[in-house]
């Protein structure tokens, strides 16, 4: 199944200040996620962002927040984004079935969100180089489980060009610069 712009929305899950320093390969995660966001914005895809218990974990990290711009965060206390009514209403109102996912932690909030989205009839597309956990093994096991649950696993560069579909456009030129 090809991922098409007209049927896709993105979610950036809980990349927050107080947890981020402990995440495996966090600088690569931040850089990749910023590129993903820049590319998705270039294509014109809607991006949602969640924050888990901001009182304890703080806001979204600055680099990701800057890339997102004025996008308002959806605060939650449930690990799964789907445990929050505002998230469910917002994602439902988009009318999109493909949900492109980046965030932390892979084995907790990302995994539970992916499973709940599948159960709710959505097709999660997990961007493997834009998710992580404190421990690499937790990430690896979570990605394996999400794949077995029938989430699509991709990378930020692959998904950007898949959604873009053609070269020779201004969006193609912009995305080519972003991924270099």
C-alpha atoms as a PDB file:
ATOM      1  CA  UNK A   1       0.000   0.000   0.000  1.00  0.00           C
ATOM      2  CA  UNK A   2       1.353   3.419  -0.999  1.00  0.00           C
ATOM      3  CA  UNK A   3       1.124   6.270   1.480  1.00  0.00           C
ATOM      4  CA  UNK A   4      -0.581   9.224  -0.203  1.00  0.00           C
ATOM      5  CA  UNK A   5      -0.712  12.849   0.922  1.00  0.00           C
ATOM      6  CA  UNK A   6      -4.483  13.129   0.662  1.00  0.00           C
ATOM      7  CA  UNK A   7      -5.008  10.288   3.140  1.00  0.00           C
ATOM      8  CA  UNK A   8      -2.247  11.033   5.676  1.00  0.00           C
ATOM      9  CA  UNK A   9      -1.655  13.005   8.849  1.00  0.00           C
ATOM     10  CA  UNK A  10       1.432  13.035  11.103  1.00  0.00           C
ATOM     11  CA  UNK A  11       1.821  12.823  14.880  1.00  0.00           C
ATOM     12  CA  UNK A  12       4.922  13.794  16.852  1.00  0.00           C
ATOM     13  CA  UNK A  13       4.662  12.003  20.208  1.00  0.00           C
ATOM     14  CA  UNK A  14       6.140  13.351  23.454  1.00  0.00           C
ATOM     15  CA  UNK A  15       9.640  14.535  22.451  1.00  0.00           C
ATOM     16  CA  UNK A  16       9.948  16.482  25.693  1.00  0.00           C
ATOM     17  CA  UNK A  17      12.735  18.318  27.517  1.00  0.00           C
ATOM     18  CA  UNK A  18      13.089  16.288  30.718  1.00  0.00           C
ATOM     19  CA  UNK A  19      13.014  12.846  29.072  1.00  0.00           C
ATOM     20  CA  UNK A  20      14.945  13.687  25.908  1.00  0.00           C
ATOM     21  CA  UNK A  21      18.482  13.742  27.433  1.00  0.00           C
ATOM     22  CA  UNK A  22      18.097  10.085  28.449  1.00  0.00           C
ATOM     23  CA  UNK A  23      16.931   8.836  25.032  1.00  0.00           C
ATOM     24  CA  UNK A  24      19.249   6.590  23.019  1.00  0.00           C
ATOM     25  CA  UNK A  25      20.948   8.506  20.166  1.00  0.00           C
ATOM     26  CA  UNK A  26      18.878  11.573  21.009  1.00  0.00           C
ATOM     27  CA  UNK A  27      20.733  14.057  18.803  1.00  0.00           C
ATOM     28  CA  UNK A  28      20.170  11.903  15.719  1.00  0.00           C
ATOM     29  CA  UNK A  29      16.512  11.501  16.717  1.00  0.00           C
ATOM     30  CA  UNK A  30      16.114  15.277  17.013  1.00  0.00           C
ATOM     31  CA  UNK A  31      17.849  16.003  13.689  1.00  0.00           C
ATOM     32  CA  UNK A  32      15.842  13.342  11.834  1.00  0.00           C
ATOM     33  CA  UNK A  33      12.546  14.466  13.349  1.00  0.00           C
ATOM     34  CA  UNK A  34      13.223  18.089  12.410  1.00  0.00           C
ATOM     35  CA  UNK A  35      13.923  16.992   8.815  1.00  0.00           C
ATOM     36  CA  UNK A  36      10.728  14.917   8.804  1.00  0.00           C
ATOM     37  CA  UNK A  37       8.690  17.885  10.048  1.00  0.00           C
ATOM     38  CA  UNK A  38      10.275  20.288   7.555  1.00  0.00           C
ATOM     39  CA  UNK A  39       9.571  17.865   4.714  1.00  0.00           C
ATOM     40  CA  UNK A  40       5.983  17.194   5.778  1.00  0.00           C
ATOM     41  CA  UNK A  41       5.341  20.931   6.071  1.00  0.00           C
ATOM     42  CA  UNK A  42       6.827  21.457   2.596  1.00  0.00           C
ATOM     43  CA  UNK A  43       4.400  18.871   1.230  1.00  0.00           C
ATOM     44  CA  UNK A  44       1.528  20.441   3.179  1.00  0.00           C
ATOM     45  CA  UNK A  45       0.704  17.575   5.534  1.00  0.00           C
ATOM     46  CA  UNK A  46      -1.079  18.337   8.812  1.00  0.00           C
ATOM     47  CA  UNK A  47       1.069  17.592  11.872  1.00  0.00           C
ATOM     48  CA  UNK A  48      -0.241  16.983  15.393  1.00  0.00           C
ATOM     49  CA  UNK A  49       1.994  16.996  18.466  1.00  0.00           C
ATOM     50  CA  UNK A  50       1.402  15.473  21.881  1.00  0.00           C
ATOM     51  CA  UNK A  51       3.028  16.051  25.253  1.00  0.00           C
ATOM     52  CA  UNK A  52       2.878  13.592  28.135  1.00  0.00           C
ATOM     53  CA  UNK A  53       2.276  15.168  31.561  1.00  0.00           C
ATOM     54  CA  UNK A  54       4.077  18.460  30.867  1.00  0.00           C
ATOM     55  CA  UNK A  55       4.284  19.323  34.569  1.00  0.00           C
ATOM     56  CA  UNK A  56       6.690  16.427  35.008  1.00  0.00           C
ATOM     57  CA  UNK A  57       8.309  16.066  31.566  1.00  0.00           C
ATOM     58  CA  UNK A  58       8.327  19.665  30.354  1.00  0.00           C
ATOM     59  CA  UNK A  59       7.450  20.944  26.897  1.00  0.00           C
ATOM     60  CA  UNK A  60       8.532  19.636  23.490  1.00  0.00           C
ATOM     61  CA  UNK A  61      12.264  20.195  22.907  1.00  0.00           C
ATOM     62  CA  UNK A  62      13.218  23.488  21.276  1.00  0.00           C
ATOM     63  CA  UNK A  63      14.471  22.145  17.923  1.00  0.00           C
ATOM     64  CA  UNK A  64      11.283  20.177  17.317  1.00  0.00           C
ATOM     65  CA  UNK A  65       9.076  23.012  18.614  1.00  0.00           C
ATOM     66  CA  UNK A  66      10.837  25.489  16.283  1.00  0.00           C
ATOM     67  CA  UNK A  67      10.313  23.151  13.310  1.00  0.00           C
ATOM     68  CA  UNK A  68       6.627  22.744  14.190  1.00  0.00           C
ATOM     69  CA  UNK A  69       6.030  26.482  14.438  1.00  0.00           C
ATOM     70  CA  UNK A  70       2.628  27.429  15.826  1.00  0.00           C
ATOM     71  CA  UNK A  71       1.270  23.882  16.113  1.00  0.00           C
ATOM     72  CA  UNK A  72      -0.580  23.574  19.426  1.00  0.00           C
ATOM     73  CA  UNK A  73       0.296  20.561  21.587  1.00  0.00           C
ATOM     74  CA  UNK A  74      -2.257  18.113  22.876  1.00  0.00           C
ATOM     75  CA  UNK A  75      -1.411  17.375  26.508  1.00  0.00           C
ATOM     76  CA  UNK A  76      -2.176  13.872  27.745  1.00  0.00           C
ATOM     77  CA  UNK A  77      -1.663  11.663  30.754  1.00  0.00           C
ATOM     78  CA  UNK A  78      -2.430   8.297  29.157  1.00  0.00           C
ATOM     79  CA  UNK A  79       0.546   6.612  27.516  1.00  0.00           C
ATOM     80  CA  UNK A  80      -1.420   5.999  24.314  1.00  0.00           C
ATOM     81  CA  UNK A  81      -2.391   9.154  22.461  1.00  0.00           C
ATOM     82  CA  UNK A  82      -5.703   7.370  21.825  1.00  0.00           C
ATOM     83  CA  UNK A  83      -6.435   7.461  25.548  1.00  0.00           C
ATOM     84  CA  UNK A  84      -7.062  11.195  25.188  1.00  0.00           C
ATOM     85  CA  UNK A  85     -10.433  12.359  23.834  1.00  0.00           C
ATOM     86  CA  UNK A  86      -9.001  15.573  22.351  1.00  0.00           C
ATOM     87  CA  UNK A  87      -6.468  13.537  20.347  1.00  0.00           C
ATOM     88  CA  UNK A  88      -9.122  11.127  19.106  1.00  0.00           C
ATOM     89  CA  UNK A  89     -11.425  13.986  18.119  1.00  0.00           C
ATOM     90  CA  UNK A  90      -8.618  15.853  16.378  1.00  0.00           C
ATOM     91  CA  UNK A  91      -7.343  12.869  14.417  1.00  0.00           C
ATOM     92  CA  UNK A  92     -10.875  11.784  13.585  1.00  0.00           C
ATOM     93  CA  UNK A  93     -11.737  15.249  12.267  1.00  0.00           C
ATOM     94  CA  UNK A  94      -8.919  15.035   9.705  1.00  0.00           C
ATOM     95  CA  UNK A  95     -10.668  12.201   7.873  1.00  0.00           C
ATOM     96  CA  UNK A  96      -7.237  10.639   7.230  1.00  0.00           C
ATOM     97  CA  UNK A  97      -6.482   6.944   7.751  1.00  0.00           C
ATOM     98  CA  UNK A  98      -2.672   6.893   7.489  1.00  0.00           C
ATOM     99  CA  UNK A  99      -0.958   8.213  10.615  1.00  0.00           C
ATOM    100  CA  UNK A 100       2.757   8.953  10.244  1.00  0.00           C
ATOM    101  CA  UNK A 101       4.379   8.619  13.664  1.00  0.00           C
ATOM    102  CA  UNK A 102       7.580   9.940  15.234  1.00  0.00           C
ATOM    103  CA  UNK A 103       8.385  10.247  18.933  1.00  0.00           C
ATOM    104  CA  UNK A 104       9.386   8.713  22.227  1.00  0.00           C
ATOM    105  CA  UNK A 105       9.404   6.355  23.934  1.00  0.00           C
ATOM    106  CA  UNK A 106       9.102   3.620  21.309  1.00  0.00           C
ATOM    107  CA  UNK A 107       8.166   0.888  23.764  1.00  0.00           C
ATOM    108  CA  UNK A 108       5.633   2.909  25.762  1.00  0.00           C
ATOM    109  CA  UNK A 109       3.700   5.829  24.238  1.00  0.00           C
ATOM    110  CA  UNK A 110       4.573   5.112  20.607  1.00  0.00           C
ATOM    111  CA  UNK A 111       3.825   1.382  20.832  1.00  0.00           C
ATOM    112  CA  UNK A 112       0.536   1.803  22.707  1.00  0.00           C
ATOM    113  CA  UNK A 113      -0.592   4.544  20.316  1.00  0.00           C
ATOM    114  CA  UNK A 114       0.216   2.375  17.290  1.00  0.00           C
ATOM    115  CA  UNK A 115      -1.704  -0.607  18.666  1.00  0.00           C
ATOM    116  CA  UNK A 116      -4.715   1.555  19.561  1.00  0.00           C
ATOM    117  CA  UNK A 117      -4.690   3.266  16.154  1.00  0.00           C
ATOM    118  CA  UNK A 118      -4.714  -0.137  14.431  1.00  0.00           C
ATOM    119  CA  UNK A 119      -7.600  -1.248  16.645  1.00  0.00           C
ATOM    120  CA  UNK A 120      -9.459   1.955  15.698  1.00  0.00           C
ATOM    121  CA  UNK A 121      -9.072   1.312  11.970  1.00  0.00           C
ATOM    122  CA  UNK A 122      -6.112   3.572  11.193  1.00  0.00           C
ATOM    123  CA  UNK A 123      -2.886   2.596   9.412  1.00  0.00           C
ATOM    124  CA  UNK A 124       0.124   3.718  11.471  1.00  0.00           C
ATOM    125  CA  UNK A 125       3.326   4.469   9.582  1.00  0.00           C
ATOM    126  CA  UNK A 126       6.165   4.378  12.111  1.00  0.00           C
ATOM    127  CA  UNK A 127       9.222   6.374  11.079  1.00  0.00           C
ATOM    128  CA  UNK A 128      11.937   4.110  12.486  1.00  0.00           C
ATOM    129  CA  UNK A 129      14.714   6.713  12.432  1.00  0.00           C
ATOM    130  CA  UNK A 130      12.418   9.195  14.225  1.00  0.00           C
ATOM    131  CA  UNK A 131      11.469   7.009  17.208  1.00  0.00           C
ATOM    132  CA  UNK A 132      13.602   5.932  20.148  1.00  0.00           C
ATOM    133  CA  UNK A 133      13.671   4.856  23.785  1.00  0.00           C
ATOM    134  CA  UNK A 134      16.086   5.181  26.677  1.00  0.00           C
ATOM    135  CA  UNK A 135      17.455   1.720  25.851  1.00  0.00           C
ATOM    136  CA  UNK A 136      18.177   0.579  22.300  1.00  0.00           C
ATOM    137  CA  UNK A 137      16.797  -2.915  22.953  1.00  0.00           C
ATOM    138  CA  UNK A 138      13.440  -1.474  24.056  1.00  0.00           C
ATOM    139  CA  UNK A 139      13.251   0.428  20.759  1.00  0.00           C
ATOM    140  CA  UNK A 140      14.189  -2.626  18.690  1.00  0.00           C
ATOM    141  CA  UNK A 141      11.634  -4.868  20.387  1.00  0.00           C
ATOM    142  CA  UNK A 142       8.925  -2.191  20.091  1.00  0.00           C
ATOM    143  CA  UNK A 143       9.557  -1.693  16.356  1.00  0.00           C
ATOM    144  CA  UNK A 144       9.436  -5.459  15.847  1.00  0.00           C
ATOM    145  CA  UNK A 145       6.147  -5.680  17.739  1.00  0.00           C
ATOM    146  CA  UNK A 146       4.642  -2.771  15.796  1.00  0.00           C
ATOM    147  CA  UNK A 147       5.680  -4.420  12.516  1.00  0.00           C
ATOM    148  CA  UNK A 148       4.034  -7.688  13.589  1.00  0.00           C
ATOM    149  CA  UNK A 149       0.889  -5.745  14.530  1.00  0.00           C
ATOM    150  CA  UNK A 150       0.877  -4.564  10.892  1.00  0.00           C
ATOM    151  CA  UNK A 151       2.142  -1.039  11.276  1.00  0.00           C
ATOM    152  CA  UNK A 152       4.137   0.122   8.267  1.00  0.00           C
ATOM    153  CA  UNK A 153       7.777   0.819   9.151  1.00  0.00           C
ATOM    154  CA  UNK A 154       9.606   3.466   7.128  1.00  0.00           C
ATOM    155  CA  UNK A 155      12.324   6.136   7.362  1.00  0.00           C
ATOM    156  CA  UNK A 156      11.926   9.890   7.160  1.00  0.00           C
ATOM    157  CA  UNK A 157      13.565  10.149   3.737  1.00  0.00           C
ATOM    158  CA  UNK A 158      11.598   7.246   2.293  1.00  0.00           C
ATOM    159  CA  UNK A 159       8.226   8.529   3.502  1.00  0.00           C
ATOM    160  CA  UNK A 160       8.889  12.062   2.262  1.00  0.00           C
ATOM    161  CA  UNK A 161       9.655  10.888  -1.261  1.00  0.00           C
ATOM    162  CA  UNK A 162       6.784   8.375  -1.182  1.00  0.00           C
ATOM    163  CA  UNK A 163       4.283  11.109  -0.345  1.00  0.00           C
ATOM    164  CA  UNK A 164       5.894  13.496  -2.813  1.00  0.00           C
ATOM    165  CA  UNK A 165       5.532  10.924  -5.643  1.00  0.00           C
ATOM    166  CA  UNK A 166       7.313  12.925  -8.404  1.00  0.00           C
ATOM    167  CA  UNK A 167      10.507  14.855  -9.000  1.00  0.00           C
ATOM    168  CA  UNK A 168      10.932  18.131 -10.854  1.00  0.00           C
ATOM    169  CA  UNK A 169       8.716  20.204  -8.553  1.00  0.00           C
ATOM    170  CA  UNK A 170       9.589  22.970  -6.110  1.00  0.00           C
ATOM    171  CA  UNK A 171       8.599  20.640  -3.260  1.00  0.00           C
ATOM    172  CA  UNK A 172      11.004  17.997  -4.621  1.00  0.00           C
ATOM    173  CA  UNK A 173      13.848  20.533  -4.729  1.00  0.00           C
ATOM    174  CA  UNK A 174      13.097  21.673  -1.163  1.00  0.00           C
ATOM    175  CA  UNK A 175      12.898  18.127   0.200  1.00  0.00           C
ATOM    176  CA  UNK A 176      16.096  17.130  -1.620  1.00  0.00           C
ATOM    177  CA  UNK A 177      17.879  19.960   0.247  1.00  0.00           C
ATOM    178  CA  UNK A 178      16.317  18.923   3.573  1.00  0.00           C
ATOM    179  CA  UNK A 179      17.445  15.275   3.354  1.00  0.00           C
ATOM    180  CA  UNK A 180      21.042  16.009   2.237  1.00  0.00           C
END
